[in-house]
């Protein structure tokens, strides 16, 4: 209903105050009602995202292995799609490429990497923690070497080196442990974030 005439605006008839008088098909007697509607929609969207965040976090914690495999496949799919897209652009418009052969080579390597990530997701999930464990073992050995030459910090360097080597051996023997720990941390972060959003929505609603 128009605030100037007291009548509902005719269909197709524009009014200077129309954006302020109507919102989602509802007549607004005051502009403040529009803010109220928008605020309620914001709370509704925030509530939905909070519930989805909690649910996603719980799923990641429960099915962490499957979630990690899926994450690797998604990354592989994105890399594959990017490689194909860039290769297509270079082939369709070769004049835009600074070095066509090099660009096509990089795109081909990206496609190959994407295929490997998609088809060998489970093996890659175990491979990276194993490599991390090997790196820690080598780092621990370097600390032990320092302990043998540094007389001032020999005890500290030796203890640190032994601890790092033990951690590396544990990761190598149980490569899935570090992957599970990472996914539990990610899932817990989603859950905590969703709970905080739910509490915020509860307080302001």
N, C-alpha and C. Protein backbone atom coordinates (compact mmCIF):
# COMPACT_ATOMS: atom_id res chain seq x y z
N UNK A 1 0.85 -1.19 0.00
CA UNK A 1 0.00 0.00 0.00
C UNK A 1 0.89 1.24 0.00
N UNK A 2 0.60 2.19 -0.83
CA UNK A 2 1.43 3.38 -0.96
C UNK A 2 1.31 4.25 0.27
N UNK A 3 2.44 4.75 0.72
CA UNK A 3 2.43 5.65 1.88
C UNK A 3 1.90 7.02 1.47
N UNK A 4 1.92 7.36 0.17
CA UNK A 4 1.47 8.67 -0.27
C UNK A 4 -0.01 8.69 -0.59
N UNK A 5 -0.52 7.65 -1.24
CA UNK A 5 -1.91 7.62 -1.67
C UNK A 5 -2.78 6.73 -0.80
N UNK A 6 -2.15 5.83 -0.01
CA UNK A 6 -2.93 4.90 0.78
C UNK A 6 -3.45 3.75 -0.04
N UNK A 7 -3.03 3.66 -1.32
CA UNK A 7 -3.48 2.59 -2.19
C UNK A 7 -2.29 1.77 -2.65
N UNK A 8 -2.59 0.51 -2.97
CA UNK A 8 -1.55 -0.37 -3.49
C UNK A 8 -1.14 0.08 -4.89
N UNK A 9 0.19 0.18 -5.17
CA UNK A 9 0.63 0.61 -6.50
C UNK A 9 0.11 -0.32 -7.58
N UNK A 10 -0.29 0.27 -8.73
CA UNK A 10 -0.82 -0.51 -9.83
C UNK A 10 0.30 -1.32 -10.47
N UNK A 11 -0.02 -2.53 -10.97
CA UNK A 11 1.00 -3.35 -11.62
C UNK A 11 1.63 -2.59 -12.79
N UNK A 12 2.94 -2.64 -12.87
CA UNK A 12 3.65 -1.98 -13.95
C UNK A 12 3.87 -0.50 -13.72
N UNK A 13 3.25 0.06 -12.67
CA UNK A 13 3.41 1.48 -12.39
C UNK A 13 4.55 1.68 -11.41
N UNK A 14 5.54 2.46 -11.80
CA UNK A 14 6.70 2.69 -10.97
C UNK A 14 6.44 3.82 -10.01
N UNK A 15 6.98 3.72 -8.83
CA UNK A 15 6.82 4.73 -7.81
C UNK A 15 8.19 5.00 -7.23
N UNK A 16 8.45 6.24 -6.88
CA UNK A 16 9.78 6.61 -6.38
C UNK A 16 10.13 5.88 -5.11
N UNK A 17 9.11 5.57 -4.30
CA UNK A 17 9.35 4.89 -3.02
C UNK A 17 9.12 3.40 -3.10
N UNK A 18 8.91 2.85 -4.32
CA UNK A 18 8.61 1.43 -4.46
C UNK A 18 9.66 0.53 -3.85
N UNK A 19 10.96 0.80 -4.04
CA UNK A 19 11.96 -0.10 -3.43
C UNK A 19 11.88 -0.16 -1.93
N UNK A 20 11.32 0.90 -1.31
CA UNK A 20 11.25 0.93 0.14
C UNK A 20 9.90 0.46 0.68
N UNK A 21 8.92 0.34 -0.21
CA UNK A 21 7.59 -0.03 0.24
C UNK A 21 7.30 -1.51 0.07
N UNK A 22 8.08 -2.19 -0.77
CA UNK A 22 7.81 -3.59 -1.05
C UNK A 22 9.07 -4.41 -0.88
N UNK A 23 8.94 -5.59 -0.24
CA UNK A 23 10.08 -6.49 -0.04
C UNK A 23 9.58 -7.92 -0.05
N UNK A 24 10.04 -8.72 -1.05
CA UNK A 24 9.59 -10.11 -1.20
C UNK A 24 8.08 -10.20 -1.31
N UNK A 25 7.48 -9.25 -1.99
CA UNK A 25 6.04 -9.30 -2.21
C UNK A 25 5.21 -8.87 -1.03
N UNK A 26 5.83 -8.38 0.05
CA UNK A 26 5.08 -7.99 1.25
C UNK A 26 5.08 -6.47 1.37
N UNK A 27 3.92 -5.90 1.70
CA UNK A 27 3.81 -4.47 1.85
C UNK A 27 4.47 -4.04 3.15
N UNK A 28 5.30 -3.01 3.08
CA UNK A 28 6.02 -2.51 4.26
C UNK A 28 5.53 -1.11 4.56
N UNK A 29 4.93 -0.92 5.71
CA UNK A 29 4.46 0.39 6.09
C UNK A 29 5.62 1.30 6.48
N UNK A 30 6.70 0.70 6.97
CA UNK A 30 7.87 1.47 7.39
C UNK A 30 9.12 0.82 6.81
N UNK A 31 10.12 1.67 6.52
CA UNK A 31 11.35 1.14 5.95
C UNK A 31 12.05 0.19 6.91
N UNK A 32 11.82 0.36 8.21
CA UNK A 32 12.46 -0.50 9.21
C UNK A 32 12.06 -1.96 9.07
N UNK A 33 10.88 -2.23 8.53
CA UNK A 33 10.45 -3.61 8.35
C UNK A 33 11.33 -4.33 7.33
N UNK A 34 11.85 -3.58 6.36
CA UNK A 34 12.73 -4.20 5.36
C UNK A 34 13.99 -4.71 6.04
N UNK A 35 14.54 -3.91 6.93
CA UNK A 35 15.73 -4.34 7.67
C UNK A 35 15.43 -5.57 8.52
N UNK A 36 14.21 -5.61 9.07
CA UNK A 36 13.83 -6.77 9.89
C UNK A 36 13.76 -8.03 9.04
N UNK A 37 13.16 -7.92 7.86
CA UNK A 37 13.08 -9.08 6.97
C UNK A 37 14.48 -9.54 6.57
N UNK A 38 15.35 -8.59 6.22
CA UNK A 38 16.70 -8.95 5.82
C UNK A 38 17.48 -9.58 6.97
N UNK A 39 17.26 -9.04 8.15
CA UNK A 39 17.95 -9.60 9.32
C UNK A 39 17.50 -11.02 9.59
N UNK A 40 16.20 -11.29 9.44
CA UNK A 40 15.70 -12.65 9.64
C UNK A 40 16.25 -13.61 8.59
N UNK A 41 16.36 -13.14 7.35
CA UNK A 41 16.94 -13.98 6.31
C UNK A 41 18.41 -14.27 6.60
N UNK A 42 19.12 -13.26 7.10
CA UNK A 42 20.53 -13.45 7.46
C UNK A 42 20.67 -14.49 8.56
N UNK A 43 19.80 -14.42 9.58
CA UNK A 43 19.84 -15.40 10.66
C UNK A 43 19.51 -16.80 10.15
N UNK A 44 18.53 -16.88 9.23
CA UNK A 44 18.14 -18.17 8.68
C UNK A 44 19.31 -18.79 7.89
N UNK A 45 19.97 -17.98 7.08
CA UNK A 45 21.11 -18.50 6.32
C UNK A 45 22.26 -18.89 7.24
N UNK A 46 22.49 -18.10 8.28
CA UNK A 46 23.56 -18.41 9.23
C UNK A 46 23.25 -19.70 9.98
N UNK A 47 21.98 -19.90 10.32
CA UNK A 47 21.58 -21.12 11.01
C UNK A 47 21.80 -22.34 10.13
N UNK A 48 21.42 -22.23 8.86
CA UNK A 48 21.59 -23.36 7.94
C UNK A 48 23.07 -23.69 7.75
N UNK A 49 23.90 -22.66 7.58
CA UNK A 49 25.33 -22.91 7.40
C UNK A 49 25.96 -23.50 8.65
N UNK A 50 25.48 -23.09 9.84
CA UNK A 50 26.01 -23.64 11.08
C UNK A 50 25.67 -25.12 11.22
N UNK A 51 24.42 -25.47 10.92
CA UNK A 51 24.00 -26.87 10.99
C UNK A 51 24.79 -27.72 10.00
N UNK A 52 24.98 -27.20 8.78
CA UNK A 52 25.74 -27.94 7.78
C UNK A 52 27.20 -28.09 8.20
N UNK A 53 27.76 -27.07 8.85
CA UNK A 53 29.15 -27.14 9.31
C UNK A 53 29.31 -28.22 10.37
N UNK A 54 28.39 -28.27 11.32
CA UNK A 54 28.44 -29.30 12.36
C UNK A 54 28.29 -30.69 11.75
N UNK A 55 27.31 -30.84 10.86
CA UNK A 55 27.09 -32.15 10.22
C UNK A 55 28.30 -32.58 9.40
N UNK A 56 28.88 -31.65 8.65
CA UNK A 56 30.06 -31.98 7.84
C UNK A 56 31.24 -32.37 8.73
N UNK A 57 31.42 -31.65 9.83
CA UNK A 57 32.50 -31.98 10.74
C UNK A 57 32.35 -33.37 11.33
N UNK A 58 31.13 -33.73 11.71
CA UNK A 58 30.88 -35.06 12.28
C UNK A 58 31.16 -36.15 11.24
N UNK A 59 30.72 -35.91 9.99
CA UNK A 59 30.96 -36.88 8.92
C UNK A 59 32.46 -37.05 8.69
N UNK A 60 33.22 -35.95 8.68
CA UNK A 60 34.66 -36.03 8.46
C UNK A 60 35.33 -36.81 9.59
N UNK A 61 34.91 -36.58 10.82
CA UNK A 61 35.51 -37.29 11.95
C UNK A 61 35.20 -38.78 11.90
N UNK A 62 33.95 -39.13 11.56
CA UNK A 62 33.56 -40.54 11.54
C UNK A 62 34.17 -41.26 10.34
N UNK A 63 34.05 -40.64 9.17
CA UNK A 63 34.55 -41.28 7.93
C UNK A 63 35.77 -40.52 7.44
N UNK A 64 36.77 -40.38 8.29
CA UNK A 64 37.93 -39.53 7.97
C UNK A 64 38.73 -40.09 6.81
N UNK A 65 38.86 -41.41 6.70
CA UNK A 65 39.64 -41.99 5.61
C UNK A 65 38.97 -41.74 4.27
N UNK A 66 37.67 -42.02 4.21
CA UNK A 66 36.94 -41.79 2.97
C UNK A 66 36.91 -40.30 2.62
N UNK A 67 36.79 -39.45 3.65
CA UNK A 67 36.78 -38.01 3.41
C UNK A 67 38.11 -37.53 2.85
N UNK A 68 39.21 -38.07 3.37
CA UNK A 68 40.53 -37.68 2.88
C UNK A 68 40.75 -38.16 1.45
N UNK A 69 40.33 -39.39 1.15
CA UNK A 69 40.43 -39.88 -0.23
C UNK A 69 39.62 -39.00 -1.18
N UNK A 70 38.42 -38.63 -0.74
CA UNK A 70 37.57 -37.77 -1.58
C UNK A 70 38.22 -36.41 -1.78
N UNK A 71 38.85 -35.87 -0.73
CA UNK A 71 39.51 -34.58 -0.84
C UNK A 71 40.65 -34.63 -1.86
N UNK A 72 41.44 -35.71 -1.81
CA UNK A 72 42.53 -35.87 -2.78
C UNK A 72 41.98 -35.97 -4.20
N UNK A 73 40.88 -36.70 -4.38
CA UNK A 73 40.28 -36.84 -5.71
C UNK A 73 39.73 -35.50 -6.21
N UNK A 74 39.15 -34.71 -5.31
CA UNK A 74 38.64 -33.40 -5.71
C UNK A 74 39.79 -32.50 -6.16
N UNK A 75 40.90 -32.51 -5.39
CA UNK A 75 42.06 -31.73 -5.78
C UNK A 75 42.59 -32.20 -7.14
N UNK A 76 42.63 -33.53 -7.32
CA UNK A 76 43.06 -34.06 -8.61
C UNK A 76 42.14 -33.63 -9.74
N UNK A 77 40.84 -33.64 -9.48
CA UNK A 77 39.89 -33.21 -10.51
C UNK A 77 40.06 -31.75 -10.88
N UNK A 78 40.31 -30.90 -9.89
CA UNK A 78 40.52 -29.49 -10.16
C UNK A 78 41.80 -29.27 -10.98
N UNK A 79 42.87 -29.98 -10.61
CA UNK A 79 44.12 -29.86 -11.37
C UNK A 79 43.94 -30.36 -12.80
N UNK A 80 43.23 -31.50 -12.94
CA UNK A 80 42.96 -32.05 -14.27
C UNK A 80 42.16 -31.08 -15.12
N UNK A 81 41.10 -30.53 -14.54
CA UNK A 81 40.26 -29.58 -15.28
C UNK A 81 41.05 -28.34 -15.67
N UNK A 82 41.89 -27.85 -14.76
CA UNK A 82 42.71 -26.68 -15.08
C UNK A 82 43.68 -26.96 -16.21
N UNK A 83 44.32 -28.13 -16.18
CA UNK A 83 45.24 -28.49 -17.25
C UNK A 83 44.57 -28.59 -18.59
N UNK A 84 43.39 -29.22 -18.63
CA UNK A 84 42.65 -29.35 -19.88
C UNK A 84 42.21 -27.98 -20.39
N UNK A 85 41.75 -27.13 -19.48
CA UNK A 85 41.27 -25.81 -19.89
C UNK A 85 42.40 -24.96 -20.48
N UNK A 86 43.54 -24.94 -19.79
CA UNK A 86 44.66 -24.15 -20.30
C UNK A 86 45.19 -24.70 -21.63
N UNK A 87 45.20 -26.04 -21.75
CA UNK A 87 45.64 -26.64 -23.02
C UNK A 87 44.68 -26.27 -24.15
N UNK A 88 43.38 -26.29 -23.85
CA UNK A 88 42.40 -25.93 -24.87
C UNK A 88 42.55 -24.48 -25.30
N UNK A 89 42.79 -23.59 -24.33
CA UNK A 89 42.98 -22.17 -24.66
C UNK A 89 44.21 -21.98 -25.53
N UNK A 90 45.30 -22.68 -25.19
CA UNK A 90 46.53 -22.55 -25.98
C UNK A 90 46.35 -23.08 -27.40
N UNK A 91 45.56 -24.15 -27.56
CA UNK A 91 45.35 -24.71 -28.88
C UNK A 91 44.39 -23.88 -29.72
N UNK A 92 43.36 -23.32 -29.06
CA UNK A 92 42.38 -22.51 -29.79
C UNK A 92 42.96 -21.14 -30.15
N UNK A 93 43.70 -20.55 -29.21
CA UNK A 93 44.28 -19.23 -29.44
C UNK A 93 45.78 -19.29 -29.17
N UNK A 94 46.54 -19.88 -30.06
CA UNK A 94 47.98 -20.03 -29.83
C UNK A 94 48.73 -18.70 -29.80
N UNK A 95 48.13 -17.67 -30.37
CA UNK A 95 48.82 -16.37 -30.40
C UNK A 95 48.91 -15.75 -29.01
N UNK A 96 48.07 -16.20 -28.08
CA UNK A 96 48.09 -15.64 -26.73
C UNK A 96 49.16 -16.28 -25.85
N UNK A 97 49.72 -17.39 -26.28
CA UNK A 97 50.72 -18.10 -25.48
C UNK A 97 52.10 -17.49 -25.72
N UNK A 98 52.84 -17.28 -24.63
CA UNK A 98 54.20 -16.75 -24.76
C UNK A 98 55.15 -17.82 -25.28
N UNK A 99 54.95 -19.05 -24.85
CA UNK A 99 55.75 -20.18 -25.31
C UNK A 99 54.82 -21.38 -25.42
N UNK A 100 54.34 -21.64 -26.62
CA UNK A 100 53.28 -22.63 -26.81
C UNK A 100 53.72 -24.02 -26.36
N UNK A 101 54.93 -24.43 -26.73
CA UNK A 101 55.39 -25.77 -26.35
C UNK A 101 55.51 -25.91 -24.84
N UNK A 102 56.06 -24.88 -24.20
CA UNK A 102 56.21 -24.94 -22.75
C UNK A 102 54.85 -24.94 -22.06
N UNK A 103 53.94 -24.10 -22.52
CA UNK A 103 52.60 -24.04 -21.93
C UNK A 103 51.88 -25.38 -22.08
N UNK A 104 51.97 -26.00 -23.25
CA UNK A 104 51.33 -27.29 -23.47
C UNK A 104 51.98 -28.38 -22.61
N UNK A 105 53.28 -28.29 -22.41
CA UNK A 105 53.97 -29.26 -21.55
C UNK A 105 53.49 -29.15 -20.11
N UNK A 106 53.40 -27.91 -19.63
CA UNK A 106 52.91 -27.69 -18.25
C UNK A 106 51.47 -28.18 -18.11
N UNK A 107 50.64 -27.89 -19.12
CA UNK A 107 49.25 -28.34 -19.07
C UNK A 107 49.18 -29.87 -19.07
N UNK A 108 50.04 -30.51 -19.89
CA UNK A 108 50.07 -31.97 -19.92
C UNK A 108 50.50 -32.57 -18.59
N UNK A 109 51.49 -31.95 -17.95
CA UNK A 109 51.93 -32.42 -16.63
C UNK A 109 50.82 -32.24 -15.60
N UNK A 110 50.07 -31.14 -15.70
CA UNK A 110 48.95 -30.92 -14.79
C UNK A 110 47.87 -31.98 -14.99
N UNK A 111 47.58 -32.30 -16.25
CA UNK A 111 46.59 -33.36 -16.53
C UNK A 111 47.07 -34.69 -15.98
N UNK A 112 48.35 -35.00 -16.17
CA UNK A 112 48.90 -36.25 -15.65
C UNK A 112 48.84 -36.30 -14.13
N UNK A 113 49.19 -35.19 -13.48
CA UNK A 113 49.13 -35.14 -12.01
C UNK A 113 47.70 -35.32 -11.52
N UNK A 114 46.75 -34.69 -12.21
CA UNK A 114 45.35 -34.83 -11.82
C UNK A 114 44.87 -36.26 -11.94
N UNK A 115 45.26 -36.94 -13.02
CA UNK A 115 44.86 -38.34 -13.21
C UNK A 115 45.46 -39.23 -12.12
N UNK A 116 46.72 -38.98 -11.77
CA UNK A 116 47.37 -39.77 -10.72
C UNK A 116 46.67 -39.56 -9.38
N UNK A 117 46.33 -38.31 -9.08
CA UNK A 117 45.65 -38.03 -7.81
C UNK A 117 44.28 -38.71 -7.75
N UNK A 118 43.58 -38.73 -8.88
CA UNK A 118 42.24 -39.33 -8.89
C UNK A 118 42.31 -40.85 -8.79
N UNK A 119 43.21 -41.45 -9.54
CA UNK A 119 43.26 -42.92 -9.61
C UNK A 119 44.04 -43.55 -8.46
N UNK A 120 44.95 -42.81 -7.86
CA UNK A 120 45.80 -43.38 -6.79
C UNK A 120 45.65 -42.60 -5.49
N UNK A 121 44.42 -42.17 -5.20
CA UNK A 121 44.21 -41.33 -4.02
C UNK A 121 44.61 -42.04 -2.73
N UNK A 122 44.24 -43.31 -2.61
CA UNK A 122 44.53 -44.05 -1.37
C UNK A 122 46.03 -44.20 -1.16
N UNK A 123 46.77 -44.53 -2.22
CA UNK A 123 48.21 -44.67 -2.08
C UNK A 123 48.89 -43.35 -1.76
N UNK A 124 48.39 -42.26 -2.34
CA UNK A 124 48.98 -40.94 -2.09
C UNK A 124 48.73 -40.52 -0.65
N UNK A 125 47.57 -40.86 -0.11
CA UNK A 125 47.27 -40.53 1.28
C UNK A 125 48.28 -41.18 2.22
N UNK A 126 48.71 -42.40 1.89
CA UNK A 126 49.72 -43.07 2.72
C UNK A 126 51.14 -42.62 2.39
N UNK A 127 51.36 -42.17 1.15
CA UNK A 127 52.72 -41.82 0.71
C UNK A 127 53.24 -40.56 1.40
N UNK A 128 52.42 -39.53 1.45
CA UNK A 128 52.88 -38.27 2.01
C UNK A 128 53.24 -38.37 3.50
N UNK A 129 52.43 -39.02 4.35
CA UNK A 129 52.86 -39.19 5.73
C UNK A 129 54.16 -39.98 5.85
N UNK A 130 54.34 -40.99 4.99
CA UNK A 130 55.59 -41.76 5.02
C UNK A 130 56.78 -40.87 4.71
N UNK A 131 56.65 -40.03 3.68
CA UNK A 131 57.73 -39.10 3.33
C UNK A 131 57.99 -38.12 4.47
N UNK A 132 56.93 -37.69 5.16
CA UNK A 132 57.11 -36.81 6.30
C UNK A 132 57.89 -37.51 7.41
N UNK A 133 57.57 -38.79 7.64
CA UNK A 133 58.30 -39.55 8.65
C UNK A 133 59.77 -39.70 8.30
N UNK A 134 60.07 -39.98 7.02
CA UNK A 134 61.47 -40.10 6.58
C UNK A 134 62.19 -38.77 6.78
N UNK A 135 61.53 -37.68 6.46
CA UNK A 135 62.14 -36.35 6.65
C UNK A 135 62.45 -36.11 8.12
N UNK A 136 61.53 -36.48 9.01
CA UNK A 136 61.77 -36.29 10.44
C UNK A 136 62.94 -37.15 10.92
N UNK A 137 63.05 -38.37 10.42
CA UNK A 137 64.16 -39.23 10.81
C UNK A 137 65.50 -38.60 10.40
N UNK A 138 65.57 -38.11 9.16
CA UNK A 138 66.79 -37.47 8.69
C UNK A 138 67.10 -36.21 9.51
N UNK A 139 66.06 -35.47 9.86
CA UNK A 139 66.26 -34.28 10.67
C UNK A 139 66.76 -34.64 12.06
N UNK A 140 66.22 -35.73 12.63
CA UNK A 140 66.69 -36.18 13.93
C UNK A 140 68.15 -36.62 13.90
N UNK A 141 68.53 -37.31 12.83
CA UNK A 141 69.92 -37.73 12.68
C UNK A 141 70.86 -36.53 12.58
N UNK A 142 70.39 -35.47 11.91
CA UNK A 142 71.22 -34.26 11.83
C UNK A 142 71.39 -33.63 13.20
N UNK A 143 70.37 -33.68 14.04
CA UNK A 143 70.50 -33.17 15.41
C UNK A 143 71.49 -34.01 16.21
N UNK A 144 71.47 -35.32 16.00
CA UNK A 144 72.44 -36.17 16.70
C UNK A 144 73.85 -35.87 16.24
N UNK A 145 74.01 -35.56 14.95
CA UNK A 145 75.33 -35.18 14.45
C UNK A 145 75.80 -33.88 15.08
N UNK A 146 74.89 -32.95 15.26
CA UNK A 146 75.25 -31.70 15.94
C UNK A 146 75.63 -31.96 17.38
N UNK A 147 74.90 -32.89 18.03
CA UNK A 147 75.21 -33.21 19.42
C UNK A 147 76.61 -33.79 19.56
N UNK A 148 77.09 -34.47 18.52
CA UNK A 148 78.42 -35.04 18.59
C UNK A 148 79.53 -34.03 18.42
N UNK A 149 79.20 -32.86 17.86
CA UNK A 149 80.24 -31.85 17.62
C UNK A 149 80.10 -30.63 18.51
N UNK A 150 78.89 -30.36 19.01
CA UNK A 150 78.65 -29.18 19.84
C UNK A 150 78.69 -29.58 21.30
N UNK A 151 79.73 -29.20 22.00
CA UNK A 151 79.88 -29.61 23.40
C UNK A 151 78.95 -28.84 24.32
N UNK A 152 78.56 -27.62 23.94
CA UNK A 152 77.72 -26.81 24.82
C UNK A 152 76.28 -27.29 24.83
N UNK A 153 75.74 -27.61 23.66
CA UNK A 153 74.32 -28.01 23.55
C UNK A 153 74.19 -29.50 23.23
N UNK A 154 75.15 -30.29 23.67
CA UNK A 154 75.15 -31.72 23.32
C UNK A 154 73.93 -32.43 23.87
N UNK A 155 73.59 -32.20 25.13
CA UNK A 155 72.47 -32.92 25.76
C UNK A 155 71.15 -32.52 25.11
N UNK A 156 70.95 -31.21 24.95
CA UNK A 156 69.68 -30.73 24.36
C UNK A 156 69.53 -31.22 22.93
N UNK A 157 70.59 -31.11 22.14
CA UNK A 157 70.52 -31.56 20.75
C UNK A 157 70.31 -33.06 20.66
N UNK A 158 70.94 -33.81 21.56
CA UNK A 158 70.76 -35.26 21.56
C UNK A 158 69.34 -35.67 21.91
N UNK A 159 68.78 -35.05 22.95
CA UNK A 159 67.39 -35.38 23.35
C UNK A 159 66.42 -35.01 22.23
N UNK A 160 66.61 -33.82 21.64
CA UNK A 160 65.73 -33.39 20.55
C UNK A 160 65.85 -34.32 19.35
N UNK A 161 67.08 -34.73 19.02
CA UNK A 161 67.27 -35.63 17.89
C UNK A 161 66.61 -36.98 18.09
N UNK A 162 66.75 -37.56 19.29
CA UNK A 162 66.14 -38.85 19.58
C UNK A 162 64.61 -38.74 19.52
N UNK A 163 64.05 -37.65 20.07
CA UNK A 163 62.60 -37.48 20.06
C UNK A 163 62.07 -37.36 18.64
N UNK A 164 62.78 -36.61 17.79
CA UNK A 164 62.34 -36.45 16.41
C UNK A 164 62.44 -37.77 15.65
N UNK A 165 63.48 -38.53 15.89
CA UNK A 165 63.63 -39.83 15.22
C UNK A 165 62.51 -40.78 15.63
N UNK A 166 62.18 -40.81 16.93
CA UNK A 166 61.09 -41.68 17.41
C UNK A 166 59.77 -41.28 16.75
N UNK A 167 59.51 -39.96 16.67
CA UNK A 167 58.29 -39.50 16.03
C UNK A 167 58.26 -39.90 14.55
N UNK A 168 59.39 -39.75 13.86
CA UNK A 168 59.46 -40.14 12.46
C UNK A 168 59.23 -41.62 12.26
N UNK A 169 59.80 -42.45 13.14
CA UNK A 169 59.61 -43.90 13.04
C UNK A 169 58.14 -44.27 13.25
N UNK A 170 57.49 -43.60 14.21
CA UNK A 170 56.07 -43.88 14.45
C UNK A 170 55.23 -43.54 13.23
N UNK A 171 55.55 -42.42 12.58
CA UNK A 171 54.79 -42.03 11.39
C UNK A 171 55.04 -43.00 10.24
N UNK A 172 56.30 -43.44 10.07
CA UNK A 172 56.62 -44.38 9.00
C UNK A 172 55.92 -45.72 9.24
N UNK A 173 55.90 -46.19 10.48
CA UNK A 173 55.27 -47.47 10.78
C UNK A 173 53.75 -47.37 10.72
N UNK A 174 53.20 -46.20 11.02
CA UNK A 174 51.74 -46.02 10.97
C UNK A 174 51.43 -44.75 10.18
N UNK A 175 51.57 -44.81 8.87
CA UNK A 175 51.36 -43.60 8.05
C UNK A 175 49.93 -43.08 8.11
N UNK A 176 48.99 -43.96 8.39
CA UNK A 176 47.61 -43.51 8.47
C UNK A 176 47.30 -42.70 9.70
N UNK A 177 48.18 -42.77 10.70
CA UNK A 177 47.94 -42.07 11.96
C UNK A 177 47.92 -40.56 11.76
N UNK A 178 48.92 -40.05 11.05
CA UNK A 178 49.00 -38.61 10.84
C UNK A 178 47.85 -38.12 9.97
N UNK A 179 47.45 -38.94 8.98
CA UNK A 179 46.32 -38.55 8.12
C UNK A 179 45.03 -38.51 8.93
N UNK A 180 44.83 -39.50 9.80
CA UNK A 180 43.64 -39.49 10.65
C UNK A 180 43.64 -38.30 11.59
N UNK A 181 44.81 -37.97 12.13
CA UNK A 181 44.90 -36.83 13.05
C UNK A 181 44.54 -35.53 12.34
N UNK A 182 45.01 -35.37 11.11
CA UNK A 182 44.71 -34.16 10.34
C UNK A 182 43.21 -34.06 10.07
N UNK A 183 42.59 -35.16 9.67
CA UNK A 183 41.16 -35.13 9.37
C UNK A 183 40.32 -34.91 10.61
N UNK A 184 40.74 -35.49 11.75
CA UNK A 184 40.02 -35.25 13.00
C UNK A 184 40.10 -33.77 13.36
N UNK A 185 41.27 -33.18 13.17
CA UNK A 185 41.42 -31.75 13.47
C UNK A 185 40.53 -30.91 12.56
N UNK A 186 40.48 -31.25 11.26
CA UNK A 186 39.63 -30.50 10.33
C UNK A 186 38.15 -30.66 10.71
N UNK A 187 37.75 -31.91 10.98
CA UNK A 187 36.36 -32.14 11.37
C UNK A 187 35.99 -31.42 12.65
N UNK A 188 36.87 -31.45 13.64
CA UNK A 188 36.60 -30.75 14.90
C UNK A 188 36.50 -29.25 14.68
N UNK A 189 37.30 -28.71 13.77
CA UNK A 189 37.23 -27.28 13.47
C UNK A 189 35.87 -26.91 12.89
N UNK A 190 35.35 -27.75 11.98
CA UNK A 190 34.02 -27.51 11.42
C UNK A 190 32.95 -27.56 12.51
N UNK A 191 33.06 -28.54 13.40
CA UNK A 191 32.06 -28.69 14.46
C UNK A 191 32.09 -27.48 15.39
N UNK A 192 33.27 -27.09 15.83
CA UNK A 192 33.39 -25.96 16.75
C UNK A 192 32.89 -24.68 16.09
N UNK A 193 33.26 -24.47 14.83
CA UNK A 193 32.80 -23.28 14.12
C UNK A 193 31.28 -23.25 14.01
N UNK A 194 30.68 -24.41 13.69
CA UNK A 194 29.22 -24.48 13.61
C UNK A 194 28.55 -24.23 14.94
N UNK A 195 29.12 -24.75 16.03
CA UNK A 195 28.55 -24.54 17.36
C UNK A 195 28.59 -23.06 17.74
N UNK A 196 29.71 -22.40 17.46
CA UNK A 196 29.82 -20.97 17.75
C UNK A 196 28.78 -20.18 16.97
N UNK A 197 28.57 -20.55 15.71
CA UNK A 197 27.56 -19.86 14.91
C UNK A 197 26.16 -20.10 15.46
N UNK A 198 25.88 -21.32 15.91
CA UNK A 198 24.57 -21.61 16.50
C UNK A 198 24.35 -20.79 17.77
N UNK A 199 25.38 -20.68 18.59
CA UNK A 199 25.26 -19.88 19.81
C UNK A 199 25.03 -18.42 19.48
N UNK A 200 25.71 -17.91 18.46
CA UNK A 200 25.53 -16.52 18.06
C UNK A 200 24.11 -16.27 17.55
N UNK A 201 23.60 -17.20 16.73
CA UNK A 201 22.24 -17.07 16.23
C UNK A 201 21.23 -17.11 17.37
N UNK A 202 21.47 -17.97 18.34
CA UNK A 202 20.57 -18.08 19.48
C UNK A 202 20.54 -16.79 20.29
N UNK A 203 21.69 -16.16 20.43
CA UNK A 203 21.75 -14.94 21.24
C UNK A 203 21.08 -13.75 20.57
N UNK A 204 21.21 -13.64 19.26
CA UNK A 204 20.68 -12.45 18.59
C UNK A 204 19.24 -12.65 18.11
N UNK A 205 18.75 -13.89 18.11
CA UNK A 205 17.39 -14.11 17.62
C UNK A 205 16.36 -13.85 18.72
